[in-house]
Protein backbone atom coordinates (compact mmCIF):
# COMPACT_ATOMS: atom_id res chain seq x y z
CA MET A 1 0.04 -0.13 0.07
CA ILE A 2 1.01 3.45 -0.67
CA SER A 3 -0.08 6.65 1.59
CA MET A 4 -1.36 9.57 0.04
CA THR A 5 0.14 11.88 2.44
CA GLY A 6 4.05 12.53 2.61
CA TYR A 7 6.67 15.14 2.60
CA ALA A 8 10.27 15.71 1.07
CA TYR A 9 12.54 18.41 0.42
CA SER A 10 16.08 18.92 -1.46
CA GLU A 11 18.24 21.75 -2.37
CA ILE A 12 21.29 22.12 -4.41
CA GLU A 13 23.95 24.89 -5.42
CA SER A 14 24.94 24.83 -8.77
CA ALA A 15 27.29 26.68 -11.26
CA ALA A 16 25.39 27.69 -14.36
CA ASN A 17 27.31 28.60 -17.55
CA LEU A 18 25.44 31.00 -20.12
CA ARG A 19 26.55 32.18 -23.75
CA LEU A 20 25.46 35.73 -24.08
CA GLY A 21 24.70 37.20 -27.44
CA GLY A 22 22.26 38.74 -29.87
CA ALA A 23 21.19 42.32 -30.47
CA GLY A 24 22.26 44.70 -27.66
CA ALA A 25 24.65 42.55 -26.15
CA ALA A 26 27.57 42.47 -28.90
CA GLU A 27 30.12 43.38 -26.12
CA THR A 28 29.53 40.21 -24.66
CA ALA A 29 28.93 37.95 -27.51
CA ASP A 30 30.38 34.46 -27.68
CA LYS A 31 31.57 35.12 -23.95
CA ASN A 32 30.99 32.39 -21.52
CA ASN A 33 29.31 33.68 -18.20
CA LYS A 34 29.36 31.81 -15.06
CA PHE A 35 27.23 32.31 -12.05
CA ASP A 36 25.58 30.47 -9.18
CA ILE A 37 22.11 28.70 -9.24
CA SER A 38 20.34 27.63 -5.98
CA VAL A 39 17.55 25.31 -6.55
CA SER A 40 15.06 23.96 -3.62
CA VAL A 41 12.31 21.47 -4.43
CA GLU A 42 9.47 20.94 -1.65
CA ILE A 43 6.81 18.23 -2.24
CA LYS A 44 3.91 17.86 -0.07
CA GLY A 45 1.08 15.42 -0.40
CA CYS A 46 -2.18 14.88 1.20
CA ASN A 47 -5.34 12.91 0.59
CA ASN A 48 -7.94 13.48 -2.19
CA ARG A 49 -10.24 11.39 -4.02
CA PHE A 50 -8.64 12.07 -7.33
CA LEU A 51 -5.12 12.80 -8.37
CA GLU A 52 -4.32 16.81 -8.41
CA ILE A 53 -1.08 18.30 -8.67
CA ASN A 54 -0.38 21.96 -8.09
CA ILE A 55 2.80 23.55 -9.34
CA ASN A 56 4.26 26.53 -7.64
CA LEU A 57 7.38 27.89 -9.49
CA PRO A 58 8.87 31.39 -10.74
CA PRO A 59 6.70 32.66 -13.74
CA TRP A 60 9.72 32.61 -16.16
CA LEU A 61 9.72 28.78 -15.74
CA SER A 62 6.19 28.07 -16.45
CA MET A 63 7.04 26.28 -19.47
CA PHE A 64 8.17 23.48 -17.66
CA GLU A 65 5.06 22.94 -15.67
CA SER A 66 3.89 19.98 -17.95
CA LYS A 67 7.16 18.40 -17.56
CA ILE A 68 6.97 18.85 -13.56
CA LYS A 69 3.51 17.19 -13.67
CA LYS A 70 4.63 14.10 -15.69
CA ILE A 71 7.37 13.16 -13.53
CA ILE A 72 5.15 13.30 -10.40
CA SER A 73 2.39 11.52 -11.90
CA SER A 74 4.55 8.71 -12.93
CA SER A 75 4.64 7.59 -9.22
CA CYS A 76 1.28 9.19 -7.76
CA GLY A 77 -2.20 7.60 -8.71
CA ARG A 78 -4.18 9.56 -6.40
CA GLY A 79 -3.94 12.63 -4.08
CA LYS A 80 -3.39 16.28 -3.69
CA VAL A 81 0.35 17.22 -4.34
CA ASP A 82 1.91 20.59 -3.80
CA VAL A 83 5.14 21.01 -5.78
CA PHE A 84 7.25 24.17 -4.63
CA ILE A 85 10.18 25.06 -6.69
CA ARG A 86 12.39 28.15 -5.62
CA VAL A 87 15.40 29.41 -7.89
CA ARG A 88 17.80 31.81 -6.58
CA GLU A 89 20.52 33.22 -8.76
CA HIS A 90 23.57 34.70 -7.53
CA ASN A 91 25.94 36.92 -9.50
CA ALA A 92 23.93 36.25 -12.59
CA PRO A 93 24.65 38.27 -15.76
CA VAL A 94 22.23 40.96 -16.43
CA LYS A 95 21.70 43.79 -19.13
CA VAL A 96 20.57 47.37 -18.17
CA ASN A 97 18.29 49.06 -20.73
CA ILE A 98 17.85 52.81 -20.78
CA ASN A 99 14.05 53.65 -21.37
CA LYS A 100 15.01 56.85 -23.50
CA ASN A 101 11.46 57.77 -23.97
CA ALA A 102 10.40 57.94 -20.37
CA VAL A 103 14.02 59.93 -19.73
CA ARG A 104 13.01 62.60 -22.24
CA ALA A 105 9.69 62.73 -20.91
CA TYR A 106 10.81 62.78 -17.23
CA PHE A 107 13.56 65.43 -18.33
CA ASP A 108 10.97 67.73 -20.16
CA ALA A 109 8.36 67.49 -17.24
CA LEU A 110 10.82 68.66 -14.71
CA LYS A 111 12.27 71.30 -16.59
CA ASP A 112 8.77 72.61 -17.32
CA ILE A 113 8.26 72.53 -13.58
CA ALA A 114 11.56 74.63 -12.97
CA GLU A 115 10.32 77.23 -15.47
CA ASP A 116 7.00 77.33 -13.84
CA LEU A 117 8.67 77.86 -10.19
CA GLY A 118 11.26 80.30 -11.87
CA ILE A 119 14.20 78.15 -11.09
CA ASN A 120 17.13 78.42 -13.54
CA GLU A 121 17.85 74.85 -13.25
CA ASN A 122 17.94 71.81 -15.46
CA PRO A 123 17.16 68.28 -14.06
CA ASN A 124 20.37 66.51 -13.06
CA LEU A 125 21.48 62.91 -14.00
CA ASP A 126 20.90 61.66 -10.38
CA THR A 127 17.48 63.05 -10.37
CA LEU A 128 16.41 61.39 -13.66
CA ILE A 129 18.20 57.89 -12.69
CA GLU A 130 16.04 57.70 -9.81
CA MET A 131 12.49 57.98 -11.88
CA GLU A 132 10.52 54.87 -12.67
CA SER A 133 11.25 52.70 -15.48
CA VAL A 134 14.05 54.64 -16.64
CA LEU A 135 16.58 52.00 -16.10
CA GLU A 136 15.25 48.41 -16.91
CA ILE A 137 17.25 45.47 -15.86
CA GLU A 138 17.06 42.50 -17.81
CA LYS A 139 18.43 39.07 -17.07
CA TYR A 140 19.91 36.69 -19.39
CA ARG A 141 18.25 33.06 -19.08
CA GLU A 142 18.65 30.13 -21.25
CA ASN A 143 15.79 27.81 -19.74
CA GLY A 144 17.53 24.77 -21.01
CA VAL A 145 20.34 25.34 -18.55
CA TYR A 146 17.85 26.16 -15.69
CA TRP A 147 15.96 22.90 -16.62
CA ASP A 148 19.53 20.88 -16.82
CA ILE A 149 19.69 21.95 -13.00
CA ILE A 150 16.12 21.74 -11.92
CA GLU A 151 15.32 18.50 -13.03
CA PRO A 152 17.81 16.12 -11.29
CA VAL A 153 16.62 17.80 -7.90
CA LEU A 154 12.98 17.21 -8.81
CA ARG A 155 13.65 13.73 -9.67
CA GLU A 156 15.45 13.28 -6.35
CA THR A 157 13.14 15.06 -4.40
CA ALA A 158 9.95 12.89 -6.11
CA GLU A 159 11.74 9.67 -5.03
CA LYS A 160 12.35 10.96 -1.32
CA PHE A 161 8.59 12.08 -1.42
CA GLN A 162 7.62 8.24 -2.83
CA CYS A 163 9.79 6.67 -0.36
CA GLU A 164 8.07 8.78 2.50
CA ARG A 165 4.74 7.39 1.08
CA GLU A 166 5.61 3.87 1.03
CA ARG A 167 7.05 3.69 4.50
CA GLU A 168 3.67 5.34 5.86
CA GLY A 169 1.66 3.13 3.45
CA LYS A 170 3.41 0.06 4.89
CA HIS A 171 2.57 1.21 8.67
CA THR A 172 -0.93 2.08 7.62
CA GLU A 173 -1.11 -1.56 5.84
CA ASN A 174 0.14 -3.20 9.04
CA ASP A 175 -2.93 -1.45 11.00
CA ILE A 176 -5.51 -2.30 8.42
CA LEU A 177 -4.55 -6.06 8.53
CA LEU A 178 -4.71 -6.23 12.35
CA ASN A 179 -8.06 -4.79 12.12
CA LEU A 180 -9.04 -7.32 9.33
CA GLU A 181 -8.06 -10.15 11.74
CA ILE A 182 -10.25 -8.63 14.29
CA ILE A 183 -13.16 -9.03 11.92
CA GLU A 184 -11.91 -12.51 10.63
CA SER A 185 -11.87 -13.62 14.40
CA SER A 186 -15.50 -12.26 15.32
CA LEU A 187 -16.83 -14.03 12.22
CA LYS A 188 -15.48 -17.09 13.05
CA ASN A 189 -17.26 -16.54 16.68
CA VAL A 190 -20.23 -15.79 14.82
CA SER A 191 -20.31 -18.73 12.81
CA SER A 192 -19.72 -20.95 15.91
CA LEU A 193 -22.68 -19.33 17.34
CA ALA A 194 -25.18 -19.60 14.35
CA PRO A 195 -26.28 -23.35 15.30
CA VAL A 196 -27.12 -21.75 18.75
CA ILE A 197 -29.81 -19.21 17.07
CA GLU A 198 -32.05 -22.28 16.32
CA GLN A 199 -31.91 -23.75 19.86
CA THR A 200 -32.66 -20.19 21.32
CA LEU A 201 -35.40 -19.80 19.28
CA LYS A 202 -36.85 -22.85 19.91
CA ASP A 203 -36.41 -22.55 23.59
CA ASN A 204 -38.11 -19.08 23.40
CA ILE A 205 -41.20 -20.45 21.74
CA ARG A 206 -41.50 -23.48 23.95
CA THR A 207 -41.33 -21.00 26.96
CA ARG A 208 -43.89 -18.78 25.48
CA PHE A 209 -46.16 -22.07 24.93
CA SER A 210 -45.76 -23.37 28.06
CA GLU A 211 -46.68 -20.03 29.71
CA LEU A 212 -49.91 -20.01 27.52
CA LEU A 213 -50.78 -23.38 27.25
CA GLY A 214 -49.27 -25.11 30.29
CA SER A 215 -48.05 -28.93 29.75
CA GLN A 216 -50.41 -29.01 26.57
CA ILE A 217 -47.68 -28.32 23.94
CA ASP A 218 -47.60 -29.40 20.45
CA GLU A 219 -44.07 -30.11 19.21
CA ASN A 220 -45.29 -29.90 15.66
CA ARG A 221 -46.08 -26.32 16.30
CA ILE A 222 -42.91 -25.51 18.03
CA LEU A 223 -40.93 -26.89 15.22
CA SER A 224 -43.15 -24.88 12.61
CA GLU A 225 -42.75 -21.54 14.46
CA THR A 226 -39.20 -22.30 15.01
CA ALA A 227 -38.68 -22.83 11.32
CA SER A 228 -40.82 -19.56 10.48
CA LEU A 229 -38.44 -17.47 12.75
CA LEU A 230 -35.37 -19.21 11.21
CA ILE A 231 -36.49 -17.87 7.90
CA LYS A 232 -36.24 -14.53 9.35
CA TYR A 233 -33.10 -14.78 11.56
CA THR A 234 -30.75 -17.08 9.92
CA ILE A 235 -27.39 -15.50 9.24
CA SER A 236 -25.84 -18.28 7.16
CA GLU A 237 -25.90 -16.00 3.92
CA GLU A 238 -24.62 -12.94 5.64
CA ILE A 239 -21.61 -15.08 6.71
CA SER A 240 -20.87 -16.36 3.74
CA ARG A 241 -20.80 -13.28 1.98
CA LEU A 242 -18.82 -11.51 4.50
CA SER A 243 -16.24 -14.21 4.40
CA SER A 244 -16.07 -13.78 1.03
CA HIS A 245 -15.61 -9.99 0.77
CA LEU A 246 -12.80 -10.56 3.51
CA SER A 247 -11.06 -12.59 1.44
CA GLU A 248 -11.35 -10.34 -1.58
CA PHE A 249 -10.28 -7.73 0.72
CA ARG A 250 -7.01 -9.29 1.51
CA ASN A 251 -6.36 -10.36 -1.94
CA GLU A 252 -6.82 -7.16 -3.16
CA THR A 253 -4.03 -5.85 -0.56
CA ASN A 254 -1.74 -8.62 -1.74
CA VAL A 255 -1.86 -8.14 -5.55
CA ASN A 256 -2.93 -4.43 -6.12
CA PRO A 257 0.06 -1.65 -4.99
CA ARG A 258 -3.00 0.65 -5.19
CA PRO A 259 -5.76 -0.96 -3.64
CA GLY A 260 -7.64 2.31 -2.17
CA LYS A 261 -10.82 2.47 -4.18
CA LYS A 262 -11.44 -1.43 -4.17
CA CYS A 263 -10.93 -1.65 -0.53
CA ASP A 264 -13.35 1.32 0.10
CA PHE A 265 -15.68 -0.30 -2.19
CA LEU A 266 -15.31 -3.75 -0.52
CA CYS A 267 -15.87 -1.74 2.95
CA GLN A 268 -19.13 -0.67 2.04
CA GLU A 269 -19.89 -4.27 1.31
CA LEU A 270 -18.82 -5.47 4.52
CA ASN A 271 -20.54 -3.07 6.57
CA ARG A 272 -23.81 -3.92 4.77
CA GLU A 273 -23.28 -7.46 5.85
CA ILE A 274 -22.21 -6.86 9.30
CA ASN A 275 -25.33 -4.36 9.77
CA THR A 276 -27.58 -7.28 8.70
CA ILE A 277 -25.90 -9.83 10.97
CA GLY A 278 -26.56 -7.28 13.95
CA SER A 279 -30.07 -6.60 13.08
CA LYS A 280 -30.80 -10.49 12.84
CA SER A 281 -29.14 -11.34 15.73
CA ALA A 282 -31.27 -13.39 18.25
CA ILE A 283 -28.35 -13.81 20.90
CA LEU A 284 -26.28 -11.07 22.98
CA GLU A 285 -23.19 -13.04 21.90
CA ILE A 286 -23.53 -12.51 18.52
CA SER A 287 -24.35 -8.84 19.08
CA ALA A 288 -21.05 -8.24 21.21
CA GLU A 289 -19.18 -9.85 17.86
CA VAL A 290 -20.96 -7.49 15.69
CA VAL A 291 -19.85 -4.44 17.68
CA LYS A 292 -16.13 -5.71 17.37
CA MET A 293 -16.50 -6.02 13.75
CA LYS A 294 -18.03 -2.58 13.17
CA GLU A 295 -15.24 -0.81 15.25
CA ALA A 296 -12.70 -2.58 13.47
CA LEU A 297 -14.06 -1.86 9.87
CA GLU A 298 -14.33 1.81 11.13
CA ASN A 299 -10.89 2.05 11.76
CA ILE A 300 -10.16 0.36 8.32
CA ARG A 301 -12.33 2.95 6.46
CA GLU A 302 -10.33 5.86 8.52
CA GLN A 303 -7.10 4.56 7.45
CA LEU A 304 -8.24 3.71 3.77
CA ARG A 305 -8.81 7.56 3.56
CA ASN A 306 -4.80 7.76 3.09
CA ILE A 307 -4.21 5.22 0.76
CA GLU A 308 -4.09 5.30 -2.88
């Protein structure tokens, strides 16, 4: 079994190498520029009816979202998975662009203000540089370089995440099987008590007849009444179906690595048969075993909410 809940985190610092060139960067064309990149990947998982993958990464890396989802979905069948990718650049090469239109507009506006106030002074360079959008910083980014660094960290974190889910899933499986054994044990007790139902019904009928008729008891009438009540209170079919569902449940946990959906359905069937046995129970001992089975089944259903 694999749990839908889990957590994993990995981080790496790596040297990147960009080859700068193109319009506006002739002075750096064909020159290798090295800088450091720090990448961290965090993956969190919780239960969900279907697979839901949420990716949180820098906007300029959004083109990798489909690749990231493909990596995560290759190991996850169900659950809500949140992936956080953070990228920090150290000493990355940048290009500073001058917005000449903005500079001229600011210069003319400031000059008009000075003339209106009677100040014989032109705007200085320091003032213009501080104006918004005058200088625009553009980072050189080659997406392939970033992906080459991100992908190994992502795969490493996804593997850790899977191991954590498998570890927790194994713990949950042990708990589920322990509760399954409780139900199987109680079912054996119920099966052994089933023949007692006939004798109990017969004794109850005989007692009522004795109270009404005294010693004039018709044995055939007692047998007829007993047979009539047995049709209503017999639980042999429920025992057989419950046993079959338990066997199928155990087999599903053995052969299916992601048995969550099937086992959840089987729990509904188990619950139906246990409730029917409880409603037909004619003796206190069977009622006590039904309570044990229902408690164990509720524990199983609770644990299955976290299983793929």
